[in-house]
Amino acid sequence: MRGTGVSRIQLRWRGDLRSIERYLGDHWERSYADLEWRGESPNRPMPWYFMAHDGKATHGYGVKTGAGALCFWTADSEGISLWADVRSGGVPVELGARTLNVADVICRQGKGGESAFAATQAFCRQMCPNPRLTDKPVYGTNDWNYAYGNSSAELISSVSGLISELSPDNDNRPYSVIDEGWQMGPYQNRYGYGPWVGNPRFGDMAAFATRLKGMGVRPGLWFRPLTHLDDSSESWRLSRDKSYLDPTIPETKEHVASHIRRFVDWGYEMIKHDFTTWDVLGNWGSGMGPNPTRDGWRLHDSSRTNAEVLTDLYRTIREAAGSARLIGCNTMSHLATGFHEVQRTGDDTSGRSWNRNRRMGVNTLAFRAPHHRTFYEVDPDIVSITKAVPWSLVEQWLRLVSESGTALFVAVEPSVVEPKHREALKKALAIAAKPQKIGEPLDWMETVCPRRWKLRGKTVEFAWMGESGAWPFSD
């Protein structure tokens, strides 16, 4: 009968887990300053996988990447549970005669003498047999954290020229990713929306890509695939919220693919696509808990689970992008592997608030570093050099990201650049352009914001708090 069926599946393994001292869980999409090792917390949902440390070894339990359901774990002293959300939209999936491969469960027994970080890294490699990896490190500039959508071709060119000048003269040139603000929507005060052509501050986007290449940078472009255009057919709209397009509709898929193909034809070598988890499911990862979307709403095609729908969308984007690199932002981590070379792993850092850089940036880099080059290239988000954020703190964040081996994107407010900034940037870009061993947080079991790191074979300690300490209010 339509409307009845299975929404969630629970599998329970009973056993004595009283020896486990700490658990580490992952997140649905980006992290939100909330990844940490904790003691037993039976109701804590741990999406995709978790690590369990017993004081001697660190064990892993999870599902392989590319699951057919949105999966999370819970753990307590008497056993562990795997929960699989097999809804389509907010109703039970209607499989018909089809069989769904819900998930491939996988575990790894830890080894004595192995660090928890090494164990987590090894388990991530085991969960993801076919990552799509870059042949060279990813680094460059992204304008969002100084322009915040108020950008222009001249402003982008100014910063791109600076980054090109300060980058090493080798065969791995930096990217210049043009974030929100280039298209017509922001020019009309409609952020997140198209039409996806250059607004009067940018003009011909193909000509601008050529201009950037002539400056020695590799052009990249930001895109929000599922916001509607004024002429989008009403039949393409998502039933949950008509502001967004339903990705199970063939015309929506072609709409998305045609835009990606056009950006690549313009000459853009990296496409950053954003907001698809929010636009489809109506929740940020921070608010999902065990329930990624509300009950009761339908996708156009109810025969596919939400996990399958998002995976199909990523596949559509990947195929349209061809050889261009992809950055997934607000994309499901465990589903994006194999499609995106780069994954934004945490919520936004900031050119206005140091507190967000410490909370979001340091936390995601520490706890998702094991994903780096096991799932994808980790992008912990932007290092911002602006007048609003103290250089004494930003300089440390710049060093951590550049020496960690993860993707380095910098946002540089042109008017604040002094010789000290140029010197630090030149050093950081030279390091980021070459492969580095992944940075390891050494005190990550004791804090959500690790201070002690192993970087390039040396132990380094940072001071993240600044003169006033943490800002406990919303930022």
Protein backbone atom coordinates (compact mmCIF):
# COMPACT_ATOMS: atom_id res chain seq x y z
CA MET A 1 0.00 0.00 0.00
CA ARG A 2 1.34 3.46 -0.93
CA GLY A 3 2.65 5.34 2.11
CA THR A 4 3.40 2.28 4.22
CA GLY A 5 6.70 0.52 4.46
CA VAL A 6 10.09 0.71 6.13
CA SER A 7 11.69 4.03 7.05
CA ARG A 8 14.56 2.89 9.27
CA ILE A 9 16.43 -0.32 9.99
CA GLN A 10 18.29 -1.11 13.21
CA LEU A 11 20.94 -3.81 13.56
CA ARG A 12 22.20 -4.56 17.07
CA TRP A 13 25.40 -6.34 18.08
CA ARG A 14 25.42 -7.19 21.77
CA GLY A 15 28.70 -7.37 23.63
CA ASP A 16 30.68 -6.11 26.59
CA LEU A 17 32.12 -2.69 25.76
CA ARG A 18 32.93 -1.62 29.31
CA SER A 19 36.62 -1.47 28.43
CA ILE A 20 36.06 1.36 25.92
CA GLU A 21 37.25 4.67 27.34
CA ARG A 22 36.59 7.06 24.44
CA TYR A 23 34.49 7.15 21.27
CA LEU A 24 35.01 9.32 18.19
CA GLY A 25 32.13 9.79 15.74
CA ASP A 26 31.98 11.47 12.34
CA HIS A 27 29.43 13.91 10.85
CA TRP A 28 26.80 13.72 8.12
CA GLU A 29 28.28 16.44 5.93
CA ARG A 30 30.50 19.25 7.25
CA SER A 31 31.42 19.37 10.91
CA TYR A 32 30.33 22.23 13.16
CA ALA A 33 33.06 22.59 15.81
CA ASP A 34 31.59 19.52 17.49
CA LEU A 35 33.83 16.59 16.59
CA GLU A 36 35.51 15.09 19.65
CA TRP A 37 36.49 11.98 21.56
CA ARG A 38 33.91 11.38 24.32
CA GLY A 39 33.10 8.88 27.00
CA GLU A 40 30.06 6.64 26.70
CA SER A 41 27.00 8.51 25.41
CA PRO A 42 24.37 5.92 24.39
CA ASN A 43 22.08 8.36 22.55
CA ARG A 44 24.86 10.01 20.55
CA PRO A 45 24.36 9.45 16.79
CA MET A 46 27.69 8.86 15.03
CA PRO A 47 27.16 9.12 11.25
CA TRP A 48 28.84 6.60 8.97
CA TYR A 49 31.50 5.24 11.36
CA PHE A 50 33.03 5.53 14.80
CA MET A 51 36.31 4.74 16.53
CA ALA A 52 36.51 3.12 19.98
CA HIS A 53 39.63 3.47 22.14
CA ASP A 54 40.16 1.04 25.03
CA GLY A 55 43.40 2.52 26.37
CA LYS A 56 45.55 0.03 24.47
CA ALA A 57 44.21 0.03 20.91
CA THR A 58 41.69 1.90 18.75
CA HIS A 59 39.04 -0.08 16.86
CA GLY A 60 36.87 1.02 13.95
CA TYR A 61 33.23 0.21 13.10
CA GLY A 62 31.49 1.64 10.05
CA VAL A 63 29.94 1.25 6.64
CA LYS A 64 31.80 1.49 3.39
CA THR A 65 31.50 4.71 1.41
CA GLY A 66 28.72 4.84 -1.17
CA ALA A 67 26.02 3.35 1.07
CA GLY A 68 22.43 3.07 -0.15
CA ALA A 69 21.07 4.55 3.08
CA LEU A 70 21.93 7.37 5.48
CA CYS A 71 23.64 5.39 8.23
CA PHE A 72 24.67 6.21 11.78
CA TRP A 73 25.85 4.28 14.83
CA THR A 74 25.18 4.34 18.55
CA ALA A 75 27.33 2.64 21.16
CA ASP A 76 27.03 1.79 24.84
CA SER A 77 28.59 -0.56 27.37
CA GLU A 78 26.33 -3.45 26.27
CA GLY A 79 26.67 -3.26 22.49
CA ILE A 80 26.53 -1.22 19.31
CA SER A 81 23.71 -0.40 16.89
CA LEU A 82 23.69 0.50 13.22
CA TRP A 83 20.73 2.61 12.13
CA ALA A 84 19.95 2.95 8.42
CA ASP A 85 17.52 5.63 7.20
CA VAL A 86 15.97 4.23 4.01
CA ARG A 87 13.44 6.98 3.43
CA SER A 88 12.83 8.73 0.13
CA GLY A 89 12.23 12.31 1.11
CA GLY A 90 10.31 11.94 4.35
CA VAL A 91 8.42 8.72 3.52
CA PRO A 92 9.41 5.03 3.23
CA VAL A 93 11.20 4.22 0.00
CA GLU A 94 9.04 2.34 -2.53
CA LEU A 95 11.43 -0.22 -4.00
CA GLY A 96 8.93 -2.25 -5.97
CA ALA A 97 10.76 -5.37 -7.19
CA ARG A 98 14.16 -3.77 -6.68
CA THR A 99 16.59 -4.91 -3.94
CA LEU A 100 18.43 -2.17 -2.07
CA ASN A 101 22.02 -2.69 -0.96
CA VAL A 102 21.63 -0.75 2.29
CA ALA A 103 25.28 -0.77 3.38
CA ASP A 104 28.41 -2.85 3.59
CA VAL A 105 29.39 -3.11 7.25
CA ILE A 106 33.09 -3.09 7.97
CA CYS A 107 35.23 -3.15 11.11
CA ARG A 108 38.90 -3.03 11.97
CA GLN A 109 40.62 -4.34 15.08
CA GLY A 110 43.19 -1.92 16.42
CA LYS A 111 46.82 -2.83 16.95
CA GLY A 112 48.90 -2.38 20.08
CA GLY A 113 51.39 0.45 19.76
CA GLU A 114 49.39 2.10 16.99
CA SER A 115 48.26 5.68 17.63
CA ALA A 116 44.54 6.44 17.56
CA PHE A 117 45.21 8.76 14.63
CA ALA A 118 46.99 6.07 12.62
CA ALA A 119 44.19 3.61 13.39
CA THR A 120 41.53 6.07 12.23
CA GLN A 121 43.46 6.83 9.06
CA ALA A 122 43.87 3.12 8.29
CA PHE A 123 40.16 2.48 8.88
CA CYS A 124 39.18 5.36 6.58
CA ARG A 125 41.35 3.83 3.87
CA GLN A 126 39.59 0.51 4.43
CA MET A 127 36.13 2.09 4.20
CA CYS A 128 36.86 3.85 0.90
CA PRO A 129 38.32 1.54 -1.75
CA ASN A 130 38.09 4.02 -4.66
CA PRO A 131 38.74 7.64 -3.71
CA ARG A 132 39.17 10.20 -6.50
CA LEU A 133 42.44 11.94 -5.66
CA THR A 134 44.41 14.79 -7.17
CA ASP A 135 47.86 14.12 -8.57
CA LYS A 136 49.22 17.30 -6.95
CA PRO A 137 48.24 19.25 -3.81
CA VAL A 138 45.42 21.80 -4.09
CA TYR A 139 46.06 25.39 -3.01
CA GLY A 140 45.22 28.95 -4.00
CA THR A 141 42.74 31.68 -3.15
CA ASN A 142 38.99 32.01 -2.54
CA ASP A 143 37.43 35.46 -2.22
CA TRP A 144 34.51 34.70 0.11
CA ASN A 145 36.13 35.53 3.45
CA TYR A 146 37.03 39.08 2.45
CA ALA A 147 34.42 39.92 -0.22
CA TYR A 148 31.37 38.06 1.16
CA GLY A 149 29.64 38.25 -2.21
CA ASN A 150 30.55 41.88 -2.92
CA SER A 151 33.19 40.90 -5.44
CA SER A 152 34.18 42.03 -8.92
CA ALA A 153 36.49 41.00 -11.71
CA GLU A 154 38.95 43.72 -10.71
CA LEU A 155 39.01 42.67 -7.05
CA ILE A 156 39.46 38.98 -7.94
CA SER A 157 42.21 39.90 -10.41
CA SER A 158 44.06 41.94 -7.80
CA VAL A 159 44.21 39.11 -5.28
CA SER A 160 44.82 36.46 -7.94
CA GLY A 161 47.81 38.44 -9.18
CA LEU A 162 49.22 38.62 -5.66
CA ILE A 163 48.80 34.88 -5.07
CA SER A 164 50.31 34.09 -8.47
CA GLU A 165 53.32 36.28 -7.70
CA LEU A 166 53.90 34.68 -4.29
CA SER A 167 53.37 31.08 -5.41
CA PRO A 168 56.29 28.86 -6.41
CA ASP A 169 57.16 28.80 -10.09
CA ASN A 170 56.50 25.14 -10.75
CA ASP A 171 54.06 22.90 -12.60
CA ASN A 172 51.48 23.08 -9.81
CA ARG A 173 49.99 26.55 -10.12
CA PRO A 174 47.44 27.89 -7.60
CA TYR A 175 43.68 28.01 -8.09
CA SER A 176 41.60 31.16 -7.87
CA VAL A 177 38.09 30.09 -6.89
CA ILE A 178 35.46 32.76 -7.49
CA ASP A 179 32.83 32.25 -4.81
CA GLU A 180 29.26 33.55 -4.51
CA GLY A 181 28.91 37.02 -6.02
CA TRP A 182 29.82 36.56 -9.69
CA GLN A 183 26.35 35.63 -10.98
CA MET A 184 23.28 37.79 -11.52
CA GLY A 185 21.48 36.84 -8.28
CA PRO A 186 23.71 38.73 -5.80
CA TYR A 187 23.76 41.76 -8.12
CA GLN A 188 19.97 41.78 -7.68
CA ASN A 189 20.34 41.14 -3.92
CA ARG A 190 19.27 37.50 -4.30
CA TYR A 191 22.15 35.54 -2.84
CA GLY A 192 22.37 31.87 -3.75
CA TYR A 193 20.41 32.34 -6.96
CA GLY A 194 21.19 32.73 -10.66
CA PRO A 195 20.87 33.38 -13.49
CA TRP A 196 24.32 31.79 -13.71
CA VAL A 197 25.93 34.29 -16.04
CA GLY A 198 28.38 37.03 -15.16
CA ASN A 199 26.81 40.12 -13.62
CA PRO A 200 27.92 43.62 -14.72
CA ARG A 201 30.81 43.57 -12.23
CA PHE A 202 32.25 40.54 -14.06
CA GLY A 203 30.97 40.54 -17.61
CA ASP A 204 31.96 37.69 -19.91
CA MET A 205 32.96 34.81 -17.62
CA ALA A 206 34.77 32.91 -20.38
CA ALA A 207 36.91 35.97 -21.08
CA PHE A 208 37.58 36.33 -17.36
CA ALA A 209 38.72 32.70 -17.09
CA THR A 210 41.18 33.39 -19.91
CA ARG A 211 42.37 36.52 -18.12
CA LEU A 212 43.01 34.59 -14.90
CA LYS A 213 44.95 31.90 -16.73
CA GLY A 214 47.10 34.62 -18.23
CA MET A 215 47.92 35.75 -14.69
CA GLY A 216 49.23 32.30 -13.81
CA VAL A 217 46.30 30.98 -11.76
CA ARG A 218 43.82 28.21 -12.49
CA PRO A 219 40.26 29.59 -12.48
CA GLY A 220 37.52 28.05 -10.35
CA LEU A 221 33.83 28.89 -9.93
CA TRP A 222 31.16 28.50 -7.22
CA PHE A 223 27.69 27.15 -8.06
CA ARG A 224 24.50 26.34 -6.15
CA PRO A 225 22.86 23.71 -8.37
CA LEU A 226 19.37 23.37 -6.92
CA THR A 227 18.01 26.90 -6.49
CA HIS A 228 15.35 27.62 -9.07
CA LEU A 229 15.51 30.19 -11.84
CA ASP A 230 12.58 32.48 -12.57
CA ASP A 231 11.78 30.44 -15.67
CA SER A 232 12.20 27.03 -14.01
CA SER A 233 9.10 24.94 -14.57
CA GLU A 234 6.87 24.55 -11.53
CA SER A 235 6.96 20.80 -12.18
CA TRP A 236 10.70 20.76 -11.41
CA ARG A 237 10.22 22.12 -7.90
CA LEU A 238 10.75 20.17 -4.68
CA SER A 239 7.49 19.42 -2.86
CA ARG A 240 9.08 20.18 0.53
CA ASP A 241 10.10 23.70 -0.51
CA LYS A 242 9.33 25.22 -3.90
CA SER A 243 12.49 27.37 -3.69
CA TYR A 244 14.53 24.34 -4.71
CA LEU A 245 14.59 21.90 -7.60
CA ASP A 246 13.86 18.19 -7.16
CA PRO A 247 16.99 16.25 -8.20
CA THR A 248 14.99 13.10 -9.02
CA ILE A 249 13.37 14.86 -11.99
CA PRO A 250 15.28 14.22 -15.26
CA GLU A 251 14.92 17.84 -16.37
CA THR A 252 16.52 19.02 -13.12
CA LYS A 253 19.48 16.72 -13.66
CA GLU A 254 19.95 18.07 -17.18
CA HIS A 255 19.59 21.64 -15.89
CA VAL A 256 22.41 21.01 -13.40
CA ALA A 257 24.59 19.15 -15.89
CA SER A 258 24.20 21.80 -18.59
CA HIS A 259 25.38 24.52 -16.22
CA ILE A 260 28.43 22.50 -15.14
CA ARG A 261 29.31 21.78 -18.78
CA ARG A 262 29.01 25.48 -19.61
CA PHE A 263 31.33 26.49 -16.75
CA VAL A 264 33.92 23.99 -17.97
CA ASP A 265 33.50 25.21 -21.55
CA TRP A 266 34.15 28.75 -20.30
CA GLY A 267 37.54 27.49 -19.09
CA TYR A 268 37.02 26.93 -15.36
CA GLU A 269 39.19 24.11 -14.04
CA MET A 270 37.59 23.72 -10.61
CA ILE A 271 33.87 23.83 -9.77
CA LYS A 272 32.77 24.29 -6.16
CA HIS A 273 29.16 23.18 -5.77
CA ASP A 274 27.32 24.03 -2.60
CA PHE A 275 24.14 23.70 -0.48
CA THR A 276 22.78 20.49 -1.98
CA THR A 277 22.23 18.70 1.36
CA TRP A 278 20.33 21.67 2.76
CA ASP A 279 18.37 22.22 -0.43
CA VAL A 280 17.24 18.58 -0.67
CA LEU A 281 16.79 17.60 2.99
CA GLY A 282 16.09 20.96 4.67
CA ASN A 283 18.60 20.46 7.49
CA TRP A 284 22.17 21.42 8.25
CA GLY A 285 24.34 18.58 9.53
CA SER A 286 24.45 20.30 12.92
CA GLY A 287 20.68 19.89 13.30
CA MET A 288 20.21 16.41 11.85
CA GLY A 289 21.07 14.20 14.78
CA PRO A 290 19.46 10.82 14.03
CA ASN A 291 16.91 12.37 11.65
CA PRO A 292 18.44 13.95 8.51
CA THR A 293 15.08 15.23 7.25
CA ARG A 294 11.55 15.66 8.57
CA ASP A 295 8.85 13.08 7.97
CA GLY A 296 5.97 13.34 5.55
CA TRP A 297 7.23 14.88 2.31
CA ARG A 298 7.86 13.22 -1.05
CA LEU A 299 10.41 13.37 -3.80
CA HIS A 300 9.12 13.09 -7.36
CA ASP A 301 10.70 9.62 -7.57
CA SER A 302 9.93 7.73 -4.36
CA SER A 303 11.72 4.60 -5.51
CA ARG A 304 15.16 5.97 -4.54
CA THR A 305 16.46 6.55 -1.02
CA ASN A 306 17.80 9.95 -0.03
CA ALA A 307 21.31 8.49 -0.05
CA GLU A 308 20.82 7.22 -3.60
CA VAL A 309 19.34 10.54 -4.73
CA LEU A 310 22.29 12.55 -3.41
CA THR A 311 24.74 10.05 -4.88
CA ASP A 312 23.01 10.29 -8.27
CA LEU A 313 23.26 14.08 -8.09
CA TYR A 314 26.98 13.92 -7.35
CA ARG A 315 27.40 11.49 -10.24
CA THR A 316 25.55 13.84 -12.60
CA ILE A 317 27.84 16.71 -11.59
CA ARG A 318 30.94 14.55 -11.88
CA GLU A 319 30.10 13.33 -15.37
CA ALA A 320 29.31 16.86 -16.57
CA ALA A 321 32.55 18.25 -15.12
CA GLY A 322 34.77 15.93 -17.13
CA SER A 323 38.39 16.51 -16.18
CA ALA A 324 37.66 19.63 -14.09
CA ARG A 325 38.21 19.29 -10.35
CA LEU A 326 35.23 19.34 -7.98
CA ILE A 327 34.94 20.73 -4.46
CA GLY A 328 31.90 19.48 -2.59
CA CYS A 329 30.56 21.86 0.08
CA ASN A 330 27.55 20.91 2.21
CA THR A 331 27.84 17.47 0.62
CA MET A 332 27.48 14.14 2.42
CA SER A 333 31.03 13.03 3.23
CA HIS A 334 30.54 9.29 2.88
CA LEU A 335 28.58 9.66 -0.37
CA ALA A 336 30.87 12.22 -2.03
CA THR A 337 33.95 10.01 -2.13
CA GLY A 338 34.86 8.91 -5.62
CA PHE A 339 33.10 11.94 -7.16
CA HIS A 340 34.85 14.95 -5.61
CA GLU A 341 38.58 15.43 -5.48
CA VAL A 342 38.18 17.97 -2.66
CA GLN A 343 35.69 18.12 0.23
CA ARG A 344 34.95 21.12 2.44
CA THR A 345 34.92 19.28 5.74
CA GLY A 346 33.82 21.98 8.19
CA ASP A 347 31.41 24.88 8.50
CA ASP A 348 32.65 28.31 7.40
CA THR A 349 35.74 29.92 8.82
CA SER A 350 35.69 33.72 8.84
CA GLY A 351 37.37 36.95 7.84
CA ARG A 352 35.38 38.73 10.55
CA SER A 353 35.57 36.49 13.63
CA TRP A 354 38.67 34.70 14.88
CA ASN A 355 36.42 32.57 17.06
CA ARG A 356 34.95 30.83 13.98
CA ASN A 357 38.41 30.01 12.64
CA ARG A 358 39.41 28.42 15.92
CA ARG A 359 36.10 26.60 16.45
CA MET A 360 35.30 25.47 12.93
CA GLY A 361 38.67 25.36 11.24
CA VAL A 362 40.97 23.83 13.83
CA ASN A 363 38.33 21.31 14.89
CA THR A 364 37.56 20.01 11.41
CA LEU A 365 41.22 19.86 10.42
CA ALA A 366 42.07 17.85 13.53
CA PHE A 367 39.24 15.34 13.46
CA ARG A 368 38.84 14.95 9.71
CA ALA A 369 42.53 14.87 8.87
CA PRO A 370 42.27 11.04 8.68
CA HIS A 371 40.01 11.55 5.63
CA HIS A 372 42.79 13.32 3.74
CA ARG A 373 43.72 11.29 0.67
CA THR A 374 41.86 8.30 2.05
CA PHE A 375 38.44 9.76 1.10
CA TYR A 376 39.39 12.95 -0.77
CA GLU A 377 41.58 16.04 -0.39
CA VAL A 378 40.50 17.70 2.88
CA ASP A 379 39.63 21.41 2.64
CA PRO A 380 39.37 22.80 6.21
CA ASP A 381 38.21 26.13 4.73
CA ILE A 382 39.78 29.50 4.18
CA VAL A 383 42.66 31.23 5.96
CA SER A 384 41.62 34.89 6.04
CA ILE A 385 44.02 37.83 6.08
CA THR A 386 41.77 40.79 6.86
CA LYS A 387 41.82 43.82 9.11
CA ALA A 388 39.13 42.28 11.36
CA VAL A 389 41.08 39.19 12.45
CA PRO A 390 44.33 39.47 14.48
CA TRP A 391 47.39 38.55 12.43
CA SER A 392 49.07 36.93 15.45
CA LEU A 393 46.34 34.27 15.38
CA VAL A 394 45.83 34.04 11.62
CA GLU A 395 49.56 33.49 11.13
CA GLN A 396 49.33 30.34 13.26
CA TRP A 397 46.26 29.08 11.37
CA LEU A 398 48.10 29.72 8.08
CA ARG A 399 51.04 27.68 9.29
CA LEU A 400 48.86 24.80 10.48
CA VAL A 401 46.91 24.47 7.24
CA SER A 402 49.92 24.87 4.95
CA GLU A 403 52.06 22.38 6.87
CA SER A 404 49.23 19.89 7.47
CA GLY A 405 49.25 18.72 3.86
CA THR A 406 45.56 19.56 3.36
CA ALA A 407 44.18 22.01 0.78
CA LEU A 408 45.13 25.63 1.48
CA PHE A 409 42.86 28.44 0.29
CA VAL A 410 43.61 31.99 1.41
CA ALA A 411 41.39 35.07 1.32
CA VAL A 412 43.48 38.24 1.29
CA GLU A 413 41.99 41.71 1.77
CA PRO A 414 44.26 43.71 -0.57
CA SER A 415 44.38 46.88 1.53
CA VAL A 416 45.88 45.16 4.59
CA VAL A 417 48.82 43.42 2.92
CA GLU A 418 52.19 44.34 4.43
CA PRO A 419 55.65 42.82 3.91
CA LYS A 420 55.10 40.45 6.86
CA HIS A 421 51.97 39.05 5.20
CA ARG A 422 53.72 38.63 1.87
CA GLU A 423 56.61 36.79 3.50
CA ALA A 424 54.32 34.42 5.43
CA LEU A 425 52.14 33.80 2.38
CA LYS A 426 55.11 33.06 0.15
CA LYS A 427 56.41 30.50 2.64
CA ALA A 428 52.98 28.91 3.17
CA LEU A 429 52.17 28.68 -0.55
CA ALA A 430 55.54 27.07 -1.29
CA ILE A 431 54.89 24.40 1.34
CA ALA A 432 51.26 23.86 0.28
CA ALA A 433 52.26 23.37 -3.37
CA LYS A 434 54.24 20.24 -2.51
CA PRO A 435 53.01 16.95 -1.02
CA GLN A 436 53.33 16.82 2.78
CA LYS A 437 52.69 14.08 5.28
CA ILE A 438 49.31 14.69 6.91
CA GLY A 439 49.51 16.74 10.10
CA GLU A 440 48.63 14.79 13.24
CA PRO A 441 46.86 16.34 16.26
CA LEU A 442 48.66 15.02 19.32
CA ASP A 443 46.24 16.15 22.04
CA TRP A 444 42.98 15.44 20.22
CA MET A 445 41.68 13.09 22.92
CA GLU A 446 41.78 15.91 25.47
CA THR A 447 40.33 18.87 23.56
CA VAL A 448 38.05 19.87 20.69
CA CYS A 449 40.68 22.40 19.55
CA PRO A 450 44.06 20.65 19.49
CA ARG A 451 47.10 22.79 20.25
CA ARG A 452 49.88 20.24 19.86
CA TRP A 453 50.55 18.94 16.35
CA LYS A 454 53.10 16.87 14.52
CA LEU A 455 53.87 18.79 11.35
CA ARG A 456 56.57 17.88 8.84
CA GLY A 457 58.24 15.62 11.40
CA LYS A 458 58.32 18.18 14.22
CA THR A 459 56.10 18.81 17.25
CA VAL A 460 54.55 22.28 17.14
CA GLU A 461 52.36 23.94 19.78
CA PHE A 462 49.90 26.69 18.93
CA ALA A 463 48.15 29.28 21.11
CA TRP A 464 44.64 29.60 19.70
CA MET A 465 42.76 31.57 22.34
CA GLY A 466 43.99 35.16 21.98
CA GLU A 467 43.99 37.73 24.77
CA SER A 468 40.28 37.45 25.61
CA GLY A 469 39.83 33.70 25.34
CA ALA A 470 36.82 32.08 23.71
CA TRP A 471 33.67 33.96 22.68
CA PRO A 472 30.84 31.78 24.07
CA PHE A 473 28.05 33.47 22.11
CA SER A 474 26.86 32.87 18.57
CA ASP A 475 29.14 34.06 15.79
